PDB file of N, CA and C in Angstrom:
ATOM      1  N   MET A   1     108.938  93.834 100.800  1.00  0.00           N
ATOM      2  CA  MET A   1     107.938  93.504  99.931  1.00  0.00           C
ATOM      3  C   MET A   1     108.062  94.460  98.683  1.00  0.00           C
ATOM      4  N   LYS A   2     108.010  94.054  97.648  1.00  0.00           N
ATOM      5  CA  LYS A   2     107.720  94.883  96.424  1.00  0.00           C
ATOM      6  C   LYS A   2     106.557  95.232  95.962  1.00  0.00           C
ATOM      7  N   SER A   3     106.135  96.435  95.822  1.00  0.00           N
ATOM      8  CA  SER A   3     104.581  96.576  95.061  1.00  0.00           C
ATOM      9  C   SER A   3     104.930  97.064  93.867  1.00  0.00           C
ATOM     10  N   TYR A   4     104.432  96.243  92.551  1.00  0.00           N
ATOM     11  CA  TYR A   4     104.460  96.913  91.167  1.00  0.00           C
ATOM     12  C   TYR A   4     103.206  97.455  90.886  1.00  0.00           C
ATOM     13  N   ILE A   5     103.050  98.801  90.270  1.00  0.00           N
ATOM     14  CA  ILE A   5     101.905  99.707  90.430  1.00  0.00           C
ATOM     15  C   ILE A   5     101.676  99.824  88.854  1.00  0.00           C
ATOM     16  N   VAL A   6     100.692  99.656  88.230  1.00  0.00           N
ATOM     17  CA  VAL A   6     100.271  99.981  86.873  1.00  0.00           C
ATOM     18  C   VAL A   6      99.058 100.827  86.848  1.00  0.00           C
ATOM     19  N   VAL A   7      99.495 101.781  86.358  1.00  0.00           N
ATOM     20  CA  VAL A   7      98.212 102.806  86.046  1.00  0.00           C
ATOM     21  C   VAL A   7      97.811 102.862  84.509  1.00  0.00           C
ATOM     22  N   THR A   8      96.370 102.683  84.559  1.00  0.00           N
ATOM     23  CA  THR A   8      95.856 102.396  82.988  1.00  0.00           C
ATOM     24  C   THR A   8      95.119 103.490  82.651  1.00  0.00           C
ATOM     25  N   ASP A   9      95.000 103.801  81.373  1.00  0.00           N
ATOM     26  CA  ASP A   9      94.329 104.761  80.945  1.00  0.00           C
ATOM     27  C   ASP A   9      94.162 104.669  79.372  1.00  0.00           C
ATOM     28  N   GLU A  10      93.114 104.068  78.998  1.00  0.00           N
ATOM     29  CA  GLU A  10      92.987 103.709  77.481  1.00  0.00           C
ATOM     30  C   GLU A  10      94.085 102.904  76.803  1.00  0.00           C
ATOM     31  N   SER A  11      94.391 101.869  77.638  1.00  0.00           N
ATOM     32  CA  SER A  11      95.892 100.983  77.368  1.00  0.00           C
ATOM     33  C   SER A  11      95.555  99.668  76.831  1.00  0.00           C
ATOM     34  N   GLU A  12      94.417  99.466  76.018  1.00  0.00           N
ATOM     35  CA  GLU A  12      94.177  98.246  75.463  1.00  0.00           C
ATOM     36  C   GLU A  12      95.063  97.659  74.487  1.00  0.00           C
ATOM     37  N   SER A  13      95.980  98.458  74.066  1.00  0.00           N
ATOM     38  CA  SER A  13      96.743  97.842  72.727  1.00  0.00           C
ATOM     39  C   SER A  13      98.043  97.414  73.491  1.00  0.00           C
ATOM     40  N   TYR A  14      98.422  97.670  74.635  1.00  0.00           N
ATOM     41  CA  TYR A  14      99.658  97.075  75.418  1.00  0.00           C
ATOM     42  C   TYR A  14      99.684  96.638  76.752  1.00  0.00           C
ATOM     43  N   ILE A  15      98.398  96.623  77.351  1.00  0.00           N
ATOM     44  CA  ILE A  15      98.347  96.215  78.689  1.00  0.00           C
ATOM     45  C   ILE A  15      98.678  94.698  78.966  1.00  0.00           C
ATOM     46  N   HIS A  16      98.179  93.684  77.915  1.00  0.00           N
ATOM     47  CA  HIS A  16      98.382  92.553  77.858  1.00  0.00           C
ATOM     48  C   HIS A  16      99.839  92.086  78.006  1.00  0.00           C
ATOM     49  N   ASP A  17     100.789  92.963  77.137  1.00  0.00           N
ATOM     50  CA  ASP A  17     102.246  92.674  77.118  1.00  0.00           C
ATOM     51  C   ASP A  17     102.766  93.007  78.397  1.00  0.00           C
ATOM     52  N   VAL A  18     102.481  94.226  79.009  1.00  0.00           N
ATOM     53  CA  VAL A  18     102.920  94.877  80.318  1.00  0.00           C
ATOM     54  C   VAL A  18     102.530  93.809  81.381  1.00  0.00           C
ATOM     55  N   LEU A  19     101.362  93.303  81.535  1.00  0.00           N
ATOM     56  CA  LEU A  19     101.169  92.378  82.461  1.00  0.00           C
ATOM     57  C   LEU A  19     101.854  91.290  82.662  1.00  0.00           C
ATOM     58  N   CYS A  20     101.787  90.532  81.576  1.00  0.00           N
ATOM     59  CA  CYS A  20     102.740  89.160  81.308  1.00  0.00           C
ATOM     60  C   CYS A  20     104.167  89.547  81.641  1.00  0.00           C
ATOM     61  N   SER A  21     104.706  90.769  81.442  1.00  0.00           N
ATOM     62  CA  SER A  21     106.256  91.042  81.676  1.00  0.00           C
ATOM     63  C   SER A  21     106.315  90.761  83.451  1.00  0.00           C
ATOM     64  N   LEU A  22     105.115  91.158  84.142  1.00  0.00           N
ATOM     65  CA  LEU A  22     105.042  91.194  85.356  1.00  0.00           C
ATOM     66  C   LEU A  22     104.873  89.731  86.309  1.00  0.00           C
ATOM     67  N   LEU A  23     104.275  88.891  85.751  1.00  0.00           N
ATOM     68  CA  LEU A  23     103.745  88.014  86.039  1.00  0.00           C
ATOM     69  C   LEU A  23     104.548  86.245  85.947  1.00  0.00           C
ATOM     70  N   PRO A  24     104.827  85.496  86.554  1.00  0.00           N
ATOM     71  CA  PRO A  24     104.012  85.326  87.908  1.00  0.00           C
ATOM     72  C   PRO A  24     104.701  86.037  88.801  1.00  0.00           C
ATOM     73  N   LEU A  25     103.931  86.538  90.044  1.00  0.00           N
ATOM     74  CA  LEU A  25     104.711  87.330  91.353  1.00  0.00           C
ATOM     75  C   LEU A  25     105.478  86.434  91.912  1.00  0.00           C
ATOM     76  N   LYS A  26     106.381  86.456  92.602  1.00  0.00           N
ATOM     77  CA  LYS A  26     107.183  85.998  93.629  1.00  0.00           C
ATOM     78  C   LYS A  26     106.203  86.310  94.978  1.00  0.00           C
ATOM     79  N   ASP A  27     106.495  85.471  96.128  1.00  0.00           N
ATOM     80  CA  ASP A  27     105.947  85.233  97.115  1.00  0.00           C
ATOM     81  C   ASP A  27     106.069  86.950  97.967  1.00  0.00           C
ATOM     82  N   ASP A  28     106.994  87.450  97.736  1.00  0.00           N
ATOM     83  CA  ASP A  28     107.093  89.211  98.679  1.00  0.00           C
ATOM     84  C   ASP A  28     106.879  90.143  97.542  1.00  0.00           C
ATOM     85  N   GLU A  29     105.907  89.953  96.627  1.00  0.00           N
ATOM     86  CA  GLU A  29     105.756  91.143  95.710  1.00  0.00           C
ATOM     87  C   GLU A  29     104.114  91.060  95.718  1.00  0.00           C
ATOM     88  N   GLU A  30     103.655  92.048  95.144  1.00  0.00           N
ATOM     89  CA  GLU A  30     102.000  92.485  95.123  1.00  0.00           C
ATOM     90  C   GLU A  30     101.984  93.334  93.597  1.00  0.00           C
ATOM     91  N   LEU A  31     101.187  93.213  93.000  1.00  0.00           N
ATOM     92  CA  LEU A  31     100.715  93.961  91.622  1.00  0.00           C
ATOM     93  C   LEU A  31      99.301  94.706  92.068  1.00  0.00           C
ATOM     94  N   ILE A  32      99.493  95.914  91.696  1.00  0.00           N
ATOM     95  CA  ILE A  32      98.271  96.997  92.273  1.00  0.00           C
ATOM     96  C   ILE A  32      97.985  97.789  90.573  1.00  0.00           C
ATOM     97  N   ILE A  33      96.944  97.298  90.205  1.00  0.00           N
ATOM     98  CA  ILE A  33      96.291  97.861  88.722  1.00  0.00           C
ATOM     99  C   ILE A  33      95.455  98.796  89.209  1.00  0.00           C
ATOM    100  N   PHE A  34      95.406  99.944  88.670  1.00  0.00           N
ATOM    101  CA  PHE A  34      94.422 101.041  88.865  1.00  0.00           C
ATOM    102  C   PHE A  34      94.156 101.745  87.586  1.00  0.00           C
ATOM    103  N   ASP A  35      92.902 101.681  87.166  1.00  0.00           N
ATOM    104  CA  ASP A  35      92.432 102.039  85.930  1.00  0.00           C
ATOM    105  C   ASP A  35      91.553 103.472  85.951  1.00  0.00           C
ATOM    106  N   ASN A  36      91.997 104.322  85.069  1.00  0.00           N
ATOM    107  CA  ASN A  36      91.730 105.463  85.275  1.00  0.00           C
ATOM    108  C   ASN A  36      90.248 105.635  84.222  1.00  0.00           C
ATOM    109  N   HIS A  37      89.127 104.800  84.323  1.00  0.00           N
ATOM    110  CA  HIS A  37      88.103 104.970  83.833  1.00  0.00           C
ATOM    111  C   HIS A  37      88.025 104.771  82.491  1.00  0.00           C
ATOM    112  N   SER A  38      89.004 103.875  81.811  1.00  0.00           N
ATOM    113  CA  SER A  38      88.969 103.781  80.490  1.00  0.00           C
ATOM    114  C   SER A  38      87.839 103.507  79.583  1.00  0.00           C
ATOM    115  N   LYS A  39      87.654 103.731  78.441  1.00  0.00           N
ATOM    116  CA  LYS A  39      86.621 103.620  77.689  1.00  0.00           C
ATOM    117  C   LYS A  39      86.739 102.628  77.020  1.00  0.00           C
ATOM    118  N   ASP A  40      88.083 102.264  76.343  1.00  0.00           N
ATOM    119  CA  ASP A  40      88.370 101.176  75.345  1.00  0.00           C
ATOM    120  C   ASP A  40      88.262  99.794  76.171  1.00  0.00           C
ATOM    121  N   ASN A  41      88.949  98.924  75.786  1.00  0.00           N
ATOM    122  CA  ASN A  41      89.027  97.478  76.130  1.00  0.00           C
ATOM    123  C   ASN A  41      89.932  96.987  77.138  1.00  0.00           C
ATOM    124  N   THR A  42      90.459  98.397  77.999  1.00  0.00           N
ATOM    125  CA  THR A  42      91.633  97.943  78.884  1.00  0.00           C
ATOM    126  C   THR A  42      91.229  96.980  79.819  1.00  0.00           C
ATOM    127  N   VAL A  43      89.978  97.386  80.486  1.00  0.00           N
ATOM    128  CA  VAL A  43      89.726  96.537  81.484  1.00  0.00           C
ATOM    129  C   VAL A  43      89.082  95.061  81.201  1.00  0.00           C
ATOM    130  N   PRO A  44      88.758  94.624  80.161  1.00  0.00           N
ATOM    131  CA  PRO A  44      88.466  93.343  79.650  1.00  0.00           C
ATOM    132  C   PRO A  44      89.732  92.696  79.348  1.00  0.00           C
ATOM    133  N   ASN A  45      90.603  93.550  78.752  1.00  0.00           N
ATOM    134  CA  ASN A  45      91.942  92.941  78.700  1.00  0.00           C
ATOM    135  C   ASN A  45      92.721  92.656  79.938  1.00  0.00           C
ATOM    136  N   ILE A  46      92.742  93.376  80.966  1.00  0.00           N
ATOM    137  CA  ILE A  46      93.319  93.170  82.134  1.00  0.00           C
ATOM    138  C   ILE A  46      92.424  92.090  82.954  1.00  0.00           C
ATOM    139  N   VAL A  47      91.276  91.881  82.792  1.00  0.00           N
ATOM    140  CA  VAL A  47      90.800  90.783  83.372  1.00  0.00           C
ATOM    141  C   VAL A  47      90.928  89.474  82.490  1.00  0.00           C
ATOM    142  N   GLY A  48      91.123  89.293  81.521  1.00  0.00           N
ATOM    143  CA  GLY A  48      91.545  88.098  80.557  1.00  0.00           C
ATOM    144  C   GLY A  48      92.843  87.681  80.613  1.00  0.00           C
ATOM    145  N   THR A  49      93.737  88.653  80.927  1.00  0.00           N
ATOM    146  CA  THR A  49      95.283  88.412  81.188  1.00  0.00           C
ATOM    147  C   THR A  49      95.318  87.761  82.359  1.00  0.00           C
ATOM    148  N   MET A  50      94.876  88.291  83.753  1.00  0.00           N
ATOM    149  CA  MET A  50      95.049  88.114  84.830  1.00  0.00           C
ATOM    150  C   MET A  50      94.454  86.516  85.274  1.00  0.00           C
ATOM    151  N   GLY A  51      93.066  86.444  84.609  1.00  0.00           N
ATOM    152  CA  GLY A  51      92.738  85.001  84.700  1.00  0.00           C
ATOM    153  C   GLY A  51      92.253  84.623  86.150  1.00  0.00           C
ATOM    154  N   GLY A  52      92.830  83.617  86.448  1.00  0.00           N
ATOM    155  CA  GLY A  52      92.463  83.014  87.633  1.00  0.00           C
ATOM    156  C   GLY A  52      93.421  83.546  89.009  1.00  0.00           C
ATOM    157  N   LEU A  53      94.299  84.489  88.679  1.00  0.00           N
ATOM    158  CA  LEU A  53      95.447  84.748  89.614  1.00  0.00           C
ATOM    159  C   LEU A  53      94.697  85.859  90.549  1.00  0.00           C
ATOM    160  N   TRP A  54      93.352  86.532  90.206  1.00  0.00           N
ATOM    161  CA  TRP A  54      92.691  86.939  91.292  1.00  0.00           C
ATOM    162  C   TRP A  54      92.271  86.471  92.517  1.00  0.00           C
ATOM    163  N   LEU A  55      92.289  85.161  92.407  1.00  0.00           N
ATOM    164  CA  LEU A  55      92.028  84.160  93.385  1.00  0.00           C
ATOM    165  C   LEU A  55      93.088  83.927  94.469  1.00  0.00           C
ATOM    166  N   ASP A  56      94.146  84.551  94.177  1.00  0.00           N
ATOM    167  CA  ASP A  56      95.470  84.427  95.272  1.00  0.00           C
ATOM    168  C   ASP A  56      94.922  84.348  96.839  1.00  0.00           C
ATOM    169  N   LYS A  57      95.276  83.632  97.422  1.00  0.00           N
ATOM    170  CA  LYS A  57      94.932  83.656  98.764  1.00  0.00           C
ATOM    171  C   LYS A  57      95.555  84.573  99.681  1.00  0.00           C
ATOM    172  N   LYS A  58      96.859  84.959  98.986  1.00  0.00           N
ATOM    173  CA  LYS A  58      97.525  86.167  99.781  1.00  0.00           C
ATOM    174  C   LYS A  58      97.275  87.523  99.432  1.00  0.00           C
ATOM    175  N   LYS A  59      96.240  87.661  98.467  1.00  0.00           N
ATOM    176  CA  LYS A  59      95.885  88.856  97.972  1.00  0.00           C
ATOM    177  C   LYS A  59      96.637  90.015  97.460  1.00  0.00           C
ATOM    178  N   ARG A  60      97.762  89.146  96.690  1.00  0.00           N
ATOM    179  CA  ARG A  60      98.966  90.021  96.257  1.00  0.00           C
ATOM    180  C   ARG A  60      98.311  90.981  94.865  1.00  0.00           C
ATOM    181  N   TYR A  61      97.318  90.368  94.148  1.00  0.00           N
ATOM    182  CA  TYR A  61      96.952  90.983  93.283  1.00  0.00           C
ATOM    183  C   TYR A  61      95.525  92.010  93.389  1.00  0.00           C
ATOM    184  N   LYS A  62      95.813  93.211  92.910  1.00  0.00           N
ATOM    185  CA  LYS A  62      94.733  94.270  93.321  1.00  0.00           C
ATOM    186  C   LYS A  62      94.271  94.920  91.862  1.00  0.00           C
ATOM    187  N   PHE A  63      93.001  95.207  91.758  1.00  0.00           N
ATOM    188  CA  PHE A  63      92.605  95.827  90.568  1.00  0.00           C
ATOM    189  C   PHE A  63      91.520  96.983  90.850  1.00  0.00           C
ATOM    190  N   TYR A  64      91.557  97.971  90.707  1.00  0.00           N
ATOM    191  CA  TYR A  64      90.664  99.174  91.024  1.00  0.00           C
ATOM    192  C   TYR A  64      90.489  99.957  89.952  1.00  0.00           C
ATOM    193  N   ILE A  65      89.171 100.373  89.590  1.00  0.00           N
ATOM    194  CA  ILE A  65      88.605 101.094  88.596  1.00  0.00           C
ATOM    195  C   ILE A  65      88.143 102.630  89.117  1.00  0.00           C
ATOM    196  N   ASN A  66      88.408 103.386  88.761  1.00  0.00           N
ATOM    197  CA  ASN A  66      87.963 104.923  89.126  1.00  0.00           C
ATOM    198  C   ASN A  66      86.558 104.997  88.021  1.00  0.00           C
ATOM    199  N   MET A  67      85.605 105.448  89.122  1.00  0.00           N
ATOM    200  CA  MET A  67      84.398 105.670  88.514  1.00  0.00           C
ATOM    201  C   MET A  67      84.377 106.911  87.761  1.00  0.00           C
ATOM    202  N   LYS A  68      85.302 107.745  87.622  1.00  0.00           N
ATOM    203  CA  LYS A  68      85.307 108.861  86.543  1.00  0.00           C
ATOM    204  C   LYS A  68      86.970 109.178  86.448  1.00  0.00           C
ATOM    205  N   LYS A  69      86.868 109.917  85.215  1.00  0.00           N
ATOM    206  CA  LYS A  69      88.219 110.373  84.979  1.00  0.00           C
ATOM    207  C   LYS A  69      89.005 111.263  85.536  1.00  0.00           C
ATOM    208  N   GLU A  70      90.154 111.344  86.145  1.00  0.00           N
ATOM    209  CA  GLU A  70      91.205 111.844  86.987  1.00  0.00           C
ATOM    210  C   GLU A  70      92.288 112.242  86.437  1.00  0.00           C
ATOM    211  N   ASN A  71      93.188 113.001  87.115  1.00  0.00           N
ATOM    212  CA  ASN A  71      94.533 113.482  86.907  1.00  0.00           C
ATOM    213  C   ASN A  71      95.316 112.290  86.801  1.00  0.00           C
ATOM    214  N   ILE A  72      96.088 112.013  86.081  1.00  0.00           N
ATOM    215  CA  ILE A  72      97.013 110.743  86.115  1.00  0.00           C
ATOM    216  C   ILE A  72      97.844 110.615  87.722  1.00  0.00           C
ATOM    217  N   LYS A  73      98.231 112.091  88.091  1.00  0.00           N
ATOM    218  CA  LYS A  73      98.985 111.808  89.195  1.00  0.00           C
ATOM    219  C   LYS A  73      98.342 111.784  90.522  1.00  0.00           C
ATOM    220  N   GLU A  74      96.862 111.913  90.079  1.00  0.00           N
ATOM    221  CA  GLU A  74      96.138 111.614  91.389  1.00  0.00           C
ATOM    222  C   GLU A  74      95.597 110.443  91.463  1.00  0.00           C
ATOM    223  N   VAL A  75      95.602 109.835  90.510  1.00  0.00           N
ATOM    224  CA  VAL A  75      95.349 108.271  90.319  1.00  0.00           C
ATOM    225  C   VAL A  75      96.545 107.644  90.891  1.00  0.00           C
ATOM    226  N   THR A  76      97.767 108.097  90.479  1.00  0.00           N
ATOM    227  CA  THR A  76      98.829 107.151  90.915  1.00  0.00           C
ATOM    228  C   THR A  76      98.953 107.377  92.223  1.00  0.00           C
ATOM    229  N   LYS A  77      98.780 108.783  92.828  1.00  0.00           N
ATOM    230  CA  LYS A  77      98.836 108.985  94.228  1.00  0.00           C
ATOM    231  C   LYS A  77      97.754 107.914  94.992  1.00  0.00           C
ATOM    232  N   LYS A  78      96.839 107.530  94.389  1.00  0.00           N
ATOM    233  CA  LYS A  78      95.691 106.605  95.274  1.00  0.00           C
ATOM    234  C   LYS A  78      96.447 105.181  95.311  1.00  0.00           C
ATOM    235  N   ALA A  79      97.030 104.926  94.016  1.00  0.00           N
ATOM    236  CA  ALA A  79      97.833 103.452  93.902  1.00  0.00           C
ATOM    237  C   ALA A  79      98.938 103.598  94.820  1.00  0.00           C
ATOM    238  N   LEU A  80      99.557 104.409  95.059  1.00  0.00           N
ATOM    239  CA  LEU A  80     100.693 104.366  95.982  1.00  0.00           C
ATOM    240  C   LEU A  80     100.375 104.209  97.446  1.00  0.00           C
ATOM    241  N   SER A  81      99.185 104.787  97.876  1.00  0.00           N
ATOM    242  CA  SER A  81      98.673 104.707  98.964  1.00  0.00           C
ATOM    243  C   SER A  81      98.199 103.361  99.373  1.00  0.00           C
ATOM    244  N   ILE A  82      98.020 102.375  98.462  1.00  0.00           N
ATOM    245  CA  ILE A  82      97.507 101.173  98.574  1.00  0.00           C
ATOM    246  C   ILE A  82      98.682  99.985  98.916  1.00  0.00           C
ATOM    247  N   ALA A  83      99.631 100.595  98.411  1.00  0.00           N
ATOM    248  CA  ALA A  83     101.006  99.886  98.423  1.00  0.00           C
ATOM    249  C   ALA A  83     101.453  99.399  99.763  1.00  0.00           C
ATOM    250  N   ARG A  84     101.536  98.089  99.961  1.00  0.00           N
ATOM    251  CA  ARG A  84     102.063  97.735 101.031  1.00  0.00           C
ATOM    252  C   ARG A  84     103.722  97.506 101.122  1.00  0.00           C
ATOM    253  N   GLY A  85     104.469  97.504  99.998  1.00  0.00           N
ATOM    254  CA  GLY A  85     105.764  97.537 100.255  1.00  0.00           C
ATOM    255  C   GLY A  85     106.430  98.530  99.316  1.00  0.00           C
ATOM    256  N   LYS A  86     107.727  98.426  98.771  1.00  0.00           N
ATOM    257  CA  LYS A  86     108.504  99.403  98.055  1.00  0.00           C
ATOM    258  C   LYS A  86     107.910  99.297  96.764  1.00  0.00           C
ATOM    259  N   PRO A  87     107.260 100.715  96.375  1.00  0.00           N
ATOM    260  CA  PRO A  87     106.392 100.704  95.141  1.00  0.00           C
ATOM    261  C   PRO A  87     107.475 100.921  93.773  1.00  0.00           C
ATOM    262  N   PHE A  88     107.210 100.458  92.752  1.00  0.00           N
ATOM    263  CA  PHE A  88     107.714 100.605  91.530  1.00  0.00           C
ATOM    264  C   PHE A  88     106.493 100.704  90.468  1.00  0.00           C
ATOM    265  N   ILE A  89     106.735 102.047  89.992  1.00  0.00           N
ATOM    266  CA  ILE A  89     105.618 102.141  89.006  1.00  0.00           C
ATOM    267  C   ILE A  89     106.091 101.755  87.779  1.00  0.00           C
ATOM    268  N   VAL A  90     105.150 100.975  87.076  1.00  0.00           N
ATOM    269  CA  VAL A  90     105.597 100.306  85.874  1.00  0.00           C
ATOM    270  C   VAL A  90     104.836 101.203  84.669  1.00  0.00           C
ATOM    271  N   ASP A  91     105.605 101.603  83.682  1.00  0.00           N
ATOM    272  CA  ASP A  91     105.017 102.309  82.608  1.00  0.00           C
ATOM    273  C   ASP A  91     104.176 101.345  81.748  1.00  0.00           C
ATOM    274  N   LYS A  92     102.862 101.879  81.623  1.00  0.00           N
ATOM    275  CA  LYS A  92     101.938 101.102  81.021  1.00  0.00           C
ATOM    276  C   LYS A  92     102.280 100.802  79.593  1.00  0.00           C
ATOM    277  N   LYS A  93     103.219 101.313  78.994  1.00  0.00           N
ATOM    278  CA  LYS A  93     103.716 101.178  77.621  1.00  0.00           C
ATOM    279  C   LYS A  93     104.509 100.126  77.295  1.00  0.00           C
ATOM    280  N   GLU A  94     105.147  99.764  78.679  1.00  0.00           N
ATOM    281  CA  GLU A  94     106.607  99.181  78.232  1.00  0.00           C
ATOM    282  C   GLU A  94     106.546  97.829  79.037  1.00  0.00           C
ATOM    283  N   ARG A  95     107.446  96.815  78.447  1.00  0.00           N
ATOM    284  CA  ARG A  95     107.511  95.617  79.463  1.00  0.00           C
ATOM    285  C   ARG A  95     108.561  96.137  80.517  1.00  0.00           C
ATOM    286  N   PHE A  96     108.017  95.482  81.694  1.00  0.00           N
ATOM    287  CA  PHE A  96     109.208  95.671  82.917  1.00  0.00           C
ATOM    288  C   PHE A  96     110.171  95.260  82.746  1.00  0.00           C
ATOM    289  N   ASN A  97     111.445  95.996  83.266  1.00  0.00           N
ATOM    290  CA  ASN A  97     112.594  95.429  83.207  1.00  0.00           C
ATOM    291  C   ASN A  97     113.186  94.983  84.641  1.00  0.00           C
ATOM    292  N   PHE A  98     113.119  93.692  84.734  1.00  0.00           N
ATOM    293  CA  PHE A  98     113.616  93.219  85.924  1.00  0.00           C
ATOM    294  C   PHE A  98     114.889  93.442  86.429  1.00  0.00           C
ATOM    295  N   GLU A  99     115.610  93.290  85.762  1.00  0.00           N
ATOM    296  CA  GLU A  99     117.130  93.758  85.771  1.00  0.00           C
ATOM    297  C   GLU A  99     117.293  95.304  86.486  1.00  0.00           C
ATOM    298  N   GLU A 100     116.444  95.871  86.396  1.00  0.00           N
ATOM    299  CA  GLU A 100     116.582  97.210  87.199  1.00  0.00           C
ATOM    300  C   GLU A 100     116.307  96.835  88.560  1.00  0.00           C
ATOM    301  N   VAL A 101     115.396  95.965  89.150  1.00  0.00           N
ATOM    302  CA  VAL A 101     115.330  95.482  90.464  1.00  0.00           C
ATOM    303  C   VAL A 101     116.091  94.691  91.057  1.00  0.00           C
ATOM    304  N   TYR A 102     116.184  93.416  90.336  1.00  0.00           N
ATOM    305  CA  TYR A 102     116.747  92.219  90.596  1.00  0.00           C
ATOM    306  C   TYR A 102     118.522  91.906  90.123  1.00  0.00           C
ATOM    307  N   GLY A 103     118.791  92.812  89.124  1.00  0.00           N
ATOM    308  CA  GLY A 103     120.025  92.600  88.687  1.00  0.00           C
ATOM    309  C   GLY A 103     119.881  91.632  87.473  1.00  0.00           C
ATOM    310  N   ASP A 104     120.461  90.748  87.451  1.00  0.00           N
ATOM    311  CA  ASP A 104     120.759  89.970  86.160  1.00  0.00           C
ATOM    312  C   ASP A 104     119.505  89.009  85.896  1.00  0.00           C
ATOM    313  N   ASP A 105     118.957  88.768  87.085  1.00  0.00           N
ATOM    314  CA  ASP A 105     117.993  87.543  87.286  1.00  0.00           C
ATOM    315  C   ASP A 105     116.896  87.750  88.290  1.00  0.00           C
ATOM    316  N   LYS A 106     115.455  87.470  87.509  1.00  0.00           N
ATOM    317  CA  LYS A 106     114.294  87.576  88.422  1.00  0.00           C
ATOM    318  C   LYS A 106     114.212  86.454  89.790  1.00  0.00           C
ATOM    319  N   ASN A 107     114.782  85.342  89.372  1.00  0.00           N
ATOM    320  CA  ASN A 107     114.863  84.223  90.164  1.00  0.00           C
ATOM    321  C   ASN A 107     115.408  84.298  91.533  1.00  0.00           C
TER     322      ASN A 107
END
């Protein structure tokens, strides 16, 4: 299993593109989004982008929101502790490059 981890912190301007680059997941993948108490529109953008995917019966999509701002390393550590598979930290500002994980083709 592969676990894609996205840690957000005031990421409203690019989180939609990042999430779209990861979706849809394959059966052996999960997505963990961990927001570091963003005050902008990051959380609404995440919810809007994910839509009905939260209803996945296999619970492969997880979203956590910190109640207070913390050091990004601590937030990432929390996200890693939730991962069920091999973790891949996704830079919140860049579309994910599946060639780094799968070679030439995601399928």
